[in-house]
Amino acid sequence: MVIADYFKSIENLLSNSKLIADKTIDFKEFSGDEGMVTVRLLFFGGFTLNFMEYILIGQQRPKYRFNLSDSKGKLIFRYDNAPHHKEILTFPHHKHLGTQVKPSEEV
């Protein structure tokens, strides 16, 4: 698999969703096996999912974040692997629920 195939799989998945009212997708290809995707999805009902993945094909994702907000912009959850919660058992993977930070496997 090359990064272009991964990008195409994301685009196909999102294009087939009946839940998405609007979407913005930005693909950046750095090499045949390295890239980044940034997505903003607006769902019917007003929920918004913003996510970013930095991808190296054949390796664990070096960086990701997934944020879901309600129609008023209030954060429902955030999953990421930023290395800023070393106390979490699943470091660097974790989730934010309100003011709490919880262990989480890679999303």
N, C-alpha and C. Protein backbone atom coordinates (compact mmCIF):
# COMPACT_ATOMS: atom_id res chain seq x y z
N MET A 1 0.84 -1.18 0.00
CA MET A 1 0.00 0.00 0.00
C MET A 1 0.88 1.24 0.00
N VAL A 2 0.48 2.23 -0.75
CA VAL A 2 1.15 3.52 -0.76
C VAL A 2 0.20 4.55 -0.14
N ILE A 3 0.74 5.70 0.20
CA ILE A 3 -0.06 6.72 0.89
C ILE A 3 -1.27 7.14 0.06
N ALA A 4 -1.14 7.20 -1.26
CA ALA A 4 -2.27 7.58 -2.12
C ALA A 4 -3.43 6.59 -1.96
N ASP A 5 -3.12 5.30 -1.78
CA ASP A 5 -4.18 4.30 -1.56
C ASP A 5 -4.87 4.53 -0.22
N TYR A 6 -4.11 4.88 0.80
CA TYR A 6 -4.69 5.16 2.11
C TYR A 6 -5.62 6.36 2.03
N PHE A 7 -5.18 7.41 1.35
CA PHE A 7 -6.01 8.60 1.17
C PHE A 7 -7.31 8.25 0.44
N LYS A 8 -7.20 7.44 -0.58
CA LYS A 8 -8.38 7.04 -1.37
C LYS A 8 -9.35 6.25 -0.49
N SER A 9 -8.84 5.39 0.39
CA SER A 9 -9.72 4.61 1.26
C SER A 9 -10.49 5.53 2.22
N ILE A 10 -9.85 6.58 2.72
CA ILE A 10 -10.53 7.54 3.58
C ILE A 10 -11.61 8.28 2.79
N GLU A 11 -11.25 8.73 1.61
CA GLU A 11 -12.22 9.46 0.78
C GLU A 11 -13.43 8.58 0.45
N ASN A 12 -13.20 7.32 0.11
CA ASN A 12 -14.31 6.41 -0.19
C ASN A 12 -15.20 6.18 1.01
N LEU A 13 -14.60 5.98 2.16
CA LEU A 13 -15.37 5.77 3.39
C LEU A 13 -16.26 6.97 3.69
N LEU A 14 -15.70 8.16 3.60
CA LEU A 14 -16.46 9.36 3.92
C LEU A 14 -17.50 9.69 2.86
N SER A 15 -17.22 9.38 1.61
CA SER A 15 -18.17 9.65 0.53
C SER A 15 -19.42 8.79 0.64
N ASN A 16 -19.30 7.62 1.23
CA ASN A 16 -20.43 6.69 1.33
C ASN A 16 -21.28 6.90 2.58
N SER A 17 -20.91 7.84 3.44
CA SER A 17 -21.65 8.05 4.69
C SER A 17 -22.90 8.88 4.45
N LYS A 18 -24.01 8.43 5.00
CA LYS A 18 -25.28 9.15 4.93
C LYS A 18 -25.45 10.08 6.13
N LEU A 19 -24.49 10.10 7.05
CA LEU A 19 -24.58 10.90 8.26
C LEU A 19 -23.91 12.26 8.15
N ILE A 20 -23.11 12.45 7.11
CA ILE A 20 -22.30 13.65 6.96
C ILE A 20 -23.04 14.70 6.14
N ALA A 21 -23.24 15.89 6.74
CA ALA A 21 -23.89 16.99 6.04
C ALA A 21 -22.89 17.79 5.20
N ASP A 22 -21.65 17.90 5.69
CA ASP A 22 -20.62 18.66 4.99
C ASP A 22 -19.25 18.14 5.42
N LYS A 23 -18.26 18.27 4.55
CA LYS A 23 -16.93 17.79 4.90
C LYS A 23 -15.87 18.62 4.19
N THR A 24 -14.73 18.72 4.85
CA THR A 24 -13.54 19.34 4.28
C THR A 24 -12.40 18.36 4.52
N ILE A 25 -11.70 18.00 3.44
CA ILE A 25 -10.60 17.04 3.54
C ILE A 25 -9.37 17.64 2.88
N ASP A 26 -8.23 17.52 3.56
CA ASP A 26 -6.97 17.99 3.00
C ASP A 26 -5.94 16.87 3.11
N PHE A 27 -5.43 16.43 1.97
CA PHE A 27 -4.41 15.38 1.93
C PHE A 27 -3.08 16.02 1.55
N LYS A 28 -2.04 15.67 2.31
CA LYS A 28 -0.68 16.11 1.97
C LYS A 28 0.19 14.87 1.83
N GLU A 29 0.74 14.67 0.66
CA GLU A 29 1.62 13.53 0.40
C GLU A 29 3.06 14.01 0.43
N PHE A 30 3.84 13.48 1.38
CA PHE A 30 5.24 13.88 1.52
C PHE A 30 6.17 12.95 0.73
N SER A 31 5.76 11.67 0.64
CA SER A 31 6.50 10.68 -0.16
C SER A 31 5.51 9.56 -0.46
N GLY A 32 5.95 8.51 -1.11
CA GLY A 32 5.08 7.40 -1.45
C GLY A 32 4.48 6.69 -0.25
N ASP A 33 5.15 6.79 0.90
CA ASP A 33 4.64 6.10 2.10
C ASP A 33 4.44 7.02 3.30
N GLU A 34 4.48 8.34 3.07
CA GLU A 34 4.34 9.29 4.17
C GLU A 34 3.38 10.41 3.77
N GLY A 35 2.47 10.74 4.69
CA GLY A 35 1.54 11.82 4.42
C GLY A 35 0.73 12.21 5.63
N MET A 36 -0.12 13.21 5.41
CA MET A 36 -0.97 13.70 6.48
C MET A 36 -2.36 13.99 5.90
N VAL A 37 -3.37 13.65 6.68
CA VAL A 37 -4.75 13.96 6.31
C VAL A 37 -5.37 14.77 7.43
N THR A 38 -6.05 15.84 7.06
CA THR A 38 -6.79 16.68 8.00
C THR A 38 -8.23 16.73 7.52
N VAL A 39 -9.17 16.45 8.42
CA VAL A 39 -10.58 16.32 8.04
C VAL A 39 -11.46 17.08 9.03
N ARG A 40 -12.48 17.72 8.50
CA ARG A 40 -13.55 18.32 9.32
C ARG A 40 -14.86 17.78 8.78
N LEU A 41 -15.60 17.10 9.64
CA LEU A 41 -16.89 16.53 9.25
C LEU A 41 -18.00 17.20 10.06
N LEU A 42 -19.01 17.69 9.37
CA LEU A 42 -20.20 18.21 10.03
C LEU A 42 -21.30 17.19 9.83
N PHE A 43 -21.80 16.65 10.92
CA PHE A 43 -22.85 15.64 10.86
C PHE A 43 -24.22 16.29 10.96
N PHE A 44 -25.22 15.64 10.38
CA PHE A 44 -26.59 16.07 10.58
C PHE A 44 -26.84 16.05 12.09
N GLY A 45 -27.45 17.08 12.61
CA GLY A 45 -27.63 17.21 14.05
C GLY A 45 -26.63 18.18 14.67
N GLY A 46 -25.63 18.59 13.89
CA GLY A 46 -24.71 19.63 14.33
C GLY A 46 -23.41 19.17 14.96
N PHE A 47 -23.22 17.88 15.18
CA PHE A 47 -21.96 17.40 15.73
C PHE A 47 -20.84 17.58 14.71
N THR A 48 -19.64 17.88 15.22
CA THR A 48 -18.48 18.09 14.36
C THR A 48 -17.35 17.18 14.80
N LEU A 49 -16.75 16.48 13.84
CA LEU A 49 -15.56 15.68 14.10
C LEU A 49 -14.42 16.28 13.30
N ASN A 50 -13.37 16.68 14.01
CA ASN A 50 -12.14 17.14 13.38
C ASN A 50 -11.07 16.11 13.68
N PHE A 51 -10.35 15.69 12.65
CA PHE A 51 -9.24 14.78 12.93
C PHE A 51 -8.07 15.01 12.01
N MET A 52 -6.92 14.61 12.51
CA MET A 52 -5.68 14.68 11.78
C MET A 52 -4.92 13.39 12.02
N GLU A 53 -4.35 12.87 10.96
CA GLU A 53 -3.47 11.70 11.06
C GLU A 53 -2.21 11.99 10.26
N TYR A 54 -1.08 11.77 10.89
CA TYR A 54 0.21 11.77 10.19
C TYR A 54 0.54 10.29 10.02
N ILE A 55 0.75 9.87 8.79
CA ILE A 55 0.85 8.44 8.46
C ILE A 55 2.22 8.11 7.87
N LEU A 56 2.78 7.01 8.33
CA LEU A 56 3.92 6.35 7.69
C LEU A 56 3.46 4.92 7.42
N ILE A 57 3.25 4.58 6.17
CA ILE A 57 2.74 3.26 5.80
C ILE A 57 3.66 2.18 6.36
N GLY A 58 3.07 1.17 6.99
CA GLY A 58 3.82 0.06 7.56
C GLY A 58 4.30 0.30 8.97
N GLN A 59 3.98 1.46 9.54
CA GLN A 59 4.40 1.79 10.90
C GLN A 59 3.20 2.31 11.69
N GLN A 60 3.33 2.33 13.00
CA GLN A 60 2.30 2.93 13.83
C GLN A 60 2.23 4.42 13.51
N ARG A 61 1.02 4.99 13.57
CA ARG A 61 0.87 6.41 13.26
C ARG A 61 1.68 7.26 14.24
N PRO A 62 2.62 8.05 13.73
CA PRO A 62 3.43 8.89 14.61
C PRO A 62 2.60 9.95 15.34
N LYS A 63 1.50 10.41 14.71
CA LYS A 63 0.71 11.46 15.34
C LYS A 63 -0.73 11.38 14.85
N TYR A 64 -1.67 11.55 15.80
CA TYR A 64 -3.09 11.62 15.45
C TYR A 64 -3.85 12.38 16.52
N ARG A 65 -5.02 12.89 16.12
CA ARG A 65 -5.97 13.48 17.07
C ARG A 65 -7.36 13.42 16.45
N PHE A 66 -8.34 13.13 17.29
CA PHE A 66 -9.74 13.06 16.90
C PHE A 66 -10.54 13.83 17.93
N ASN A 67 -11.23 14.88 17.50
CA ASN A 67 -12.03 15.72 18.40
C ASN A 67 -13.49 15.69 17.96
N LEU A 68 -14.39 15.37 18.86
CA LEU A 68 -15.82 15.42 18.59
C LEU A 68 -16.43 16.51 19.46
N SER A 69 -17.17 17.43 18.82
CA SER A 69 -17.84 18.52 19.53
C SER A 69 -19.32 18.49 19.23
N ASP A 70 -20.12 19.01 20.17
CA ASP A 70 -21.56 19.09 19.94
C ASP A 70 -21.89 20.31 19.09
N SER A 71 -23.17 20.55 18.86
CA SER A 71 -23.60 21.64 17.98
C SER A 71 -23.27 23.02 18.52
N LYS A 72 -22.95 23.11 19.80
CA LYS A 72 -22.57 24.39 20.41
C LYS A 72 -21.05 24.55 20.51
N GLY A 73 -20.32 23.58 20.01
CA GLY A 73 -18.87 23.64 20.03
C GLY A 73 -18.24 23.08 21.29
N LYS A 74 -19.04 22.49 22.17
CA LYS A 74 -18.50 21.91 23.41
C LYS A 74 -17.85 20.56 23.10
N LEU A 75 -16.62 20.40 23.56
CA LEU A 75 -15.87 19.17 23.32
C LEU A 75 -16.53 17.99 24.03
N ILE A 76 -16.82 16.93 23.29
CA ILE A 76 -17.35 15.69 23.86
C ILE A 76 -16.20 14.77 24.21
N PHE A 77 -15.27 14.59 23.25
CA PHE A 77 -14.06 13.82 23.53
C PHE A 77 -12.96 14.24 22.58
N ARG A 78 -11.75 13.90 22.98
CA ARG A 78 -10.56 14.06 22.14
C ARG A 78 -9.68 12.86 22.40
N TYR A 79 -9.29 12.18 21.34
CA TYR A 79 -8.31 11.10 21.41
C TYR A 79 -7.05 11.63 20.72
N ASP A 80 -5.89 11.39 21.32
CA ASP A 80 -4.65 11.79 20.66
C ASP A 80 -3.47 11.02 21.25
N ASN A 81 -2.33 11.20 20.63
CA ASN A 81 -1.11 10.56 21.12
C ASN A 81 0.00 11.59 21.34
N ALA A 82 -0.39 12.83 21.65
CA ALA A 82 0.61 13.83 22.00
C ALA A 82 1.29 13.39 23.30
N PRO A 83 2.60 13.48 23.37
CA PRO A 83 3.33 12.93 24.52
C PRO A 83 3.35 13.87 25.73
N HIS A 84 2.17 14.27 26.21
CA HIS A 84 2.13 15.21 27.33
C HIS A 84 1.45 14.66 28.59
N HIS A 85 1.10 13.39 28.60
CA HIS A 85 0.52 12.77 29.81
C HIS A 85 1.26 11.47 30.12
N LYS A 86 2.49 11.60 30.57
CA LYS A 86 3.34 10.44 30.83
C LYS A 86 2.82 9.56 31.97
N GLU A 87 1.94 10.11 32.79
CA GLU A 87 1.38 9.35 33.91
C GLU A 87 0.30 8.36 33.47
N ILE A 88 -0.19 8.46 32.25
CA ILE A 88 -1.25 7.59 31.75
C ILE A 88 -0.66 6.23 31.36
N LEU A 89 -1.30 5.17 31.79
CA LEU A 89 -0.83 3.81 31.54
C LEU A 89 -0.61 3.51 30.06
N THR A 90 -1.44 4.06 29.19
CA THR A 90 -1.35 3.78 27.76
C THR A 90 -0.53 4.83 27.00
N PHE A 91 0.28 5.60 27.73
CA PHE A 91 1.11 6.66 27.14
C PHE A 91 1.78 6.18 25.86
N PRO A 92 1.75 6.96 24.79
CA PRO A 92 1.24 8.32 24.69
C PRO A 92 -0.26 8.40 24.33
N HIS A 93 -0.89 7.26 24.09
CA HIS A 93 -2.30 7.25 23.69
C HIS A 93 -3.19 7.56 24.89
N HIS A 94 -4.16 8.47 24.68
CA HIS A 94 -5.06 8.83 25.76
C HIS A 94 -6.29 9.53 25.19
N LYS A 95 -7.30 9.72 26.05
CA LYS A 95 -8.50 10.44 25.64
C LYS A 95 -8.84 11.49 26.69
N HIS A 96 -9.40 12.58 26.20
CA HIS A 96 -9.85 13.67 27.05
C HIS A 96 -11.37 13.60 27.10
N LEU A 97 -11.92 13.56 28.30
CA LEU A 97 -13.36 13.60 28.51
C LEU A 97 -13.61 14.75 29.48
N GLY A 98 -14.05 15.87 28.96
CA GLY A 98 -14.17 17.06 29.80
C GLY A 98 -12.80 17.44 30.32
N THR A 99 -12.66 17.56 31.64
CA THR A 99 -11.37 17.91 32.23
C THR A 99 -10.54 16.68 32.59
N GLN A 100 -11.08 15.50 32.37
CA GLN A 100 -10.37 14.26 32.72
C GLN A 100 -9.55 13.76 31.54
N VAL A 101 -8.43 13.13 31.87
CA VAL A 101 -7.60 12.45 30.88
C VAL A 101 -7.58 11.00 31.27
N LYS A 102 -7.94 10.11 30.33
CA LYS A 102 -8.08 8.68 30.60
C LYS A 102 -7.19 7.86 29.68
N PRO A 103 -6.83 6.65 30.11
CA PRO A 103 -6.09 5.75 29.22
C PRO A 103 -6.93 5.40 27.99
N SER A 104 -6.25 5.13 26.91
CA SER A 104 -6.92 4.74 25.67
C SER A 104 -5.94 4.02 24.77
N GLU A 105 -6.42 3.03 24.09
CA GLU A 105 -5.61 2.39 23.06
C GLU A 105 -5.58 3.31 21.83
N GLU A 106 -4.70 3.04 20.90
CA GLU A 106 -4.65 3.84 19.67
C GLU A 106 -6.00 3.75 18.97
N VAL A 107 -6.49 4.89 18.54
CA VAL A 107 -7.79 4.96 17.84
C VAL A 107 -7.57 4.74 16.37
